[in-house]
Amino acid sequence: MTALNIKNEEVVKLIKELAELHGESMTAVVTVAVREKLERDRKPEINEQRMQYWLDFGRRARESTDPKWLAVDTDELLYDEKGLPK
C-alpha cells in the first residue's frame, strides 16, 4: 500500500474539520471526497439551458419552414441520376 503524505497545512486542517463534522476518520472522508469528485468528473457535462435553446431553435425553424420545402428530396437537388454531385 502506498502512503499519502499531505504537507499542506490547510488541506490537513480541512480534512480534520470534515472528519469531525461527519464523525469519521480522515481516511474515510478523503476516500468519499475523491470518489464523489471522480463521479462528477466522469459524467459528461450537459448544459440543460443550451440544449433546450437548440431544441427550441430547431422546433421554431421547422414550424416556420414551408411544408413543401420539407417534403423536397434533397438528393435530387444535390446529385444527378448517377449519384454524382450536380
C-alpha atoms as a PDB file:
ATOM      1  CA  MET A   1       0.000   0.000   0.000  1.00  0.00           C
ATOM      2  CA  THR A   2       1.297   3.460  -0.875  1.00  0.00           C
ATOM      3  CA  ALA A   3       1.169   6.070   1.865  1.00  0.00           C
ATOM      4  CA  LEU A   4      -0.058   9.561   1.172  1.00  0.00           C
ATOM      5  CA  ASN A   5       1.833  12.279   2.999  1.00  0.00           C
ATOM      6  CA  ILE A   6      -0.017  15.601   2.849  1.00  0.00           C
ATOM      7  CA  LYS A   7       2.289  18.516   3.625  1.00  0.00           C
ATOM      8  CA  ASN A   8      -0.198  21.304   3.006  1.00  0.00           C
ATOM      9  CA  GLU A   9      -1.434  22.548   6.412  1.00  0.00           C
ATOM     10  CA  GLU A  10      -4.651  23.995   5.012  1.00  0.00           C
ATOM     11  CA  VAL A  11      -5.572  20.690   3.385  1.00  0.00           C
ATOM     12  CA  VAL A  12      -4.891  18.765   6.598  1.00  0.00           C
ATOM     13  CA  LYS A  13      -6.988  21.277   8.564  1.00  0.00           C
ATOM     14  CA  LEU A  14      -9.876  20.939   6.116  1.00  0.00           C
ATOM     15  CA  ILE A  15      -9.722  17.147   6.201  1.00  0.00           C
ATOM     16  CA  LYS A  16      -9.738  17.137  10.002  1.00  0.00           C
ATOM     17  CA  GLU A  17     -12.699  19.521  10.099  1.00  0.00           C
ATOM     18  CA  LEU A  18     -14.663  17.390   7.655  1.00  0.00           C
ATOM     19  CA  ALA A  19     -13.802  14.223   9.594  1.00  0.00           C
ATOM     20  CA  GLU A  20     -15.035  15.796  12.843  1.00  0.00           C
ATOM     21  CA  LEU A  21     -18.251  17.031  11.222  1.00  0.00           C
ATOM     22  CA  HIS A  22     -19.031  13.538   9.981  1.00  0.00           C
ATOM     23  CA  GLY A  23     -17.609  11.623  12.907  1.00  0.00           C
ATOM     24  CA  GLU A  24     -15.393   9.634  10.566  1.00  0.00           C
ATOM     25  CA  SER A  25     -11.694   9.066  10.113  1.00  0.00           C
ATOM     26  CA  MET A  26      -9.630  11.368   7.946  1.00  0.00           C
ATOM     27  CA  THR A  27      -9.041   8.482   5.546  1.00  0.00           C
ATOM     28  CA  ALA A  28     -12.785   7.867   5.230  1.00  0.00           C
ATOM     29  CA  VAL A  29     -13.642  11.482   4.394  1.00  0.00           C
ATOM     30  CA  VAL A  30     -10.811  11.731   1.864  1.00  0.00           C
ATOM     31  CA  THR A  31     -11.982   8.495   0.233  1.00  0.00           C
ATOM     32  CA  VAL A  32     -15.572   9.728  -0.016  1.00  0.00           C
ATOM     33  CA  ALA A  33     -14.483  13.156  -1.300  1.00  0.00           C
ATOM     34  CA  VAL A  34     -12.270  11.665  -4.002  1.00  0.00           C
ATOM     35  CA  ARG A  35     -14.959   9.174  -5.066  1.00  0.00           C
ATOM     36  CA  GLU A  36     -17.585  11.930  -5.301  1.00  0.00           C
ATOM     37  CA  LYS A  37     -15.253  14.178  -7.309  1.00  0.00           C
ATOM     38  CA  LEU A  38     -14.410  11.349  -9.722  1.00  0.00           C
ATOM     39  CA  GLU A  39     -18.099  10.539 -10.137  1.00  0.00           C
ATOM     40  CA  ARG A  40     -18.863  14.156 -11.055  1.00  0.00           C
ATOM     41  CA  ASP A  41     -15.897  14.468 -13.405  1.00  0.00           C
ATOM     42  CA  ARG A  42     -16.593  11.198 -15.216  1.00  0.00           C
ATOM     43  CA  LYS A  43     -20.134  12.216 -16.128  1.00  0.00           C
ATOM     44  CA  PRO A  44     -20.467  14.231 -19.307  1.00  0.00           C
ATOM     45  CA  GLU A  45     -21.458  17.778 -18.565  1.00  0.00           C
ATOM     46  CA  ILE A  46     -24.843  18.586 -20.049  1.00  0.00           C
ATOM     47  CA  ASN A  47     -25.792  22.206 -20.227  1.00  0.00           C
ATOM     48  CA  GLU A  48     -29.577  21.926 -19.981  1.00  0.00           C
ATOM     49  CA  GLN A  49     -30.139  25.570 -20.905  1.00  0.00           C
ATOM     50  CA  ARG A  50     -28.026  25.318 -24.075  1.00  0.00           C
ATOM     51  CA  MET A  51     -29.640  22.020 -25.050  1.00  0.00           C
ATOM     52  CA  GLN A  52     -33.122  23.495 -24.597  1.00  0.00           C
ATOM     53  CA  TYR A  53     -32.146  26.552 -26.685  1.00  0.00           C
ATOM     54  CA  TRP A  54     -31.154  24.362 -29.648  1.00  0.00           C
ATOM     55  CA  LEU A  55     -34.206  22.132 -29.327  1.00  0.00           C
ATOM     56  CA  ASP A  56     -36.429  25.231 -29.354  1.00  0.00           C
ATOM     57  CA  PHE A  57     -34.438  26.672 -32.258  1.00  0.00           C
ATOM     58  CA  GLY A  58     -34.988  23.512 -34.296  1.00  0.00           C
ATOM     59  CA  ARG A  59     -38.685  23.478 -33.466  1.00  0.00           C
ATOM     60  CA  ARG A  60     -39.090  27.137 -34.474  1.00  0.00           C
ATOM     61  CA  ALA A  61     -37.143  26.601 -37.689  1.00  0.00           C
ATOM     62  CA  ARG A  62     -39.289  23.630 -38.637  1.00  0.00           C
ATOM     63  CA  GLU A  63     -42.526  25.472 -37.803  1.00  0.00           C
ATOM     64  CA  SER A  64     -41.519  28.475 -39.902  1.00  0.00           C
ATOM     65  CA  THR A  65     -40.416  26.425 -42.927  1.00  0.00           C
ATOM     66  CA  ASP A  66     -42.735  25.876 -45.858  1.00  0.00           C
ATOM     67  CA  PRO A  67     -44.056  22.282 -45.634  1.00  0.00           C
ATOM     68  CA  LYS A  68     -43.461  21.896 -49.385  1.00  0.00           C
ATOM     69  CA  TRP A  69     -39.759  22.542 -48.814  1.00  0.00           C
ATOM     70  CA  LEU A  70     -39.621  19.930 -46.059  1.00  0.00           C
ATOM     71  CA  ALA A  71     -41.019  17.351 -48.499  1.00  0.00           C
ATOM     72  CA  VAL A  72     -38.291  18.006 -51.099  1.00  0.00           C
ATOM     73  CA  ASP A  73     -35.863  15.148 -51.703  1.00  0.00           C
ATOM     74  CA  THR A  74     -32.526  16.881 -51.192  1.00  0.00           C
ATOM     75  CA  ASP A  75     -30.693  14.080 -53.002  1.00  0.00           C
ATOM     76  CA  GLU A  76     -32.441  15.182 -56.204  1.00  0.00           C
ATOM     77  CA  LEU A  77     -31.198  18.732 -55.662  1.00  0.00           C
ATOM     78  CA  LEU A  78     -27.602  17.759 -54.952  1.00  0.00           C
ATOM     79  CA  TYR A  79     -26.947  14.675 -57.115  1.00  0.00           C
ATOM     80  CA  ASP A  80     -27.648  13.620 -60.670  1.00  0.00           C
ATOM     81  CA  GLU A  81     -29.172  10.303 -61.711  1.00  0.00           C
ATOM     82  CA  LYS A  82     -25.729   8.620 -61.498  1.00  0.00           C
ATOM     83  CA  GLY A  83     -25.252   9.771 -57.928  1.00  0.00           C
ATOM     84  CA  LEU A  84     -22.651  12.365 -58.826  1.00  0.00           C
ATOM     85  CA  PRO A  85     -22.746  15.914 -57.458  1.00  0.00           C
ATOM     86  CA  LYS A  86     -24.522  18.365 -59.743  1.00  0.00           C
END
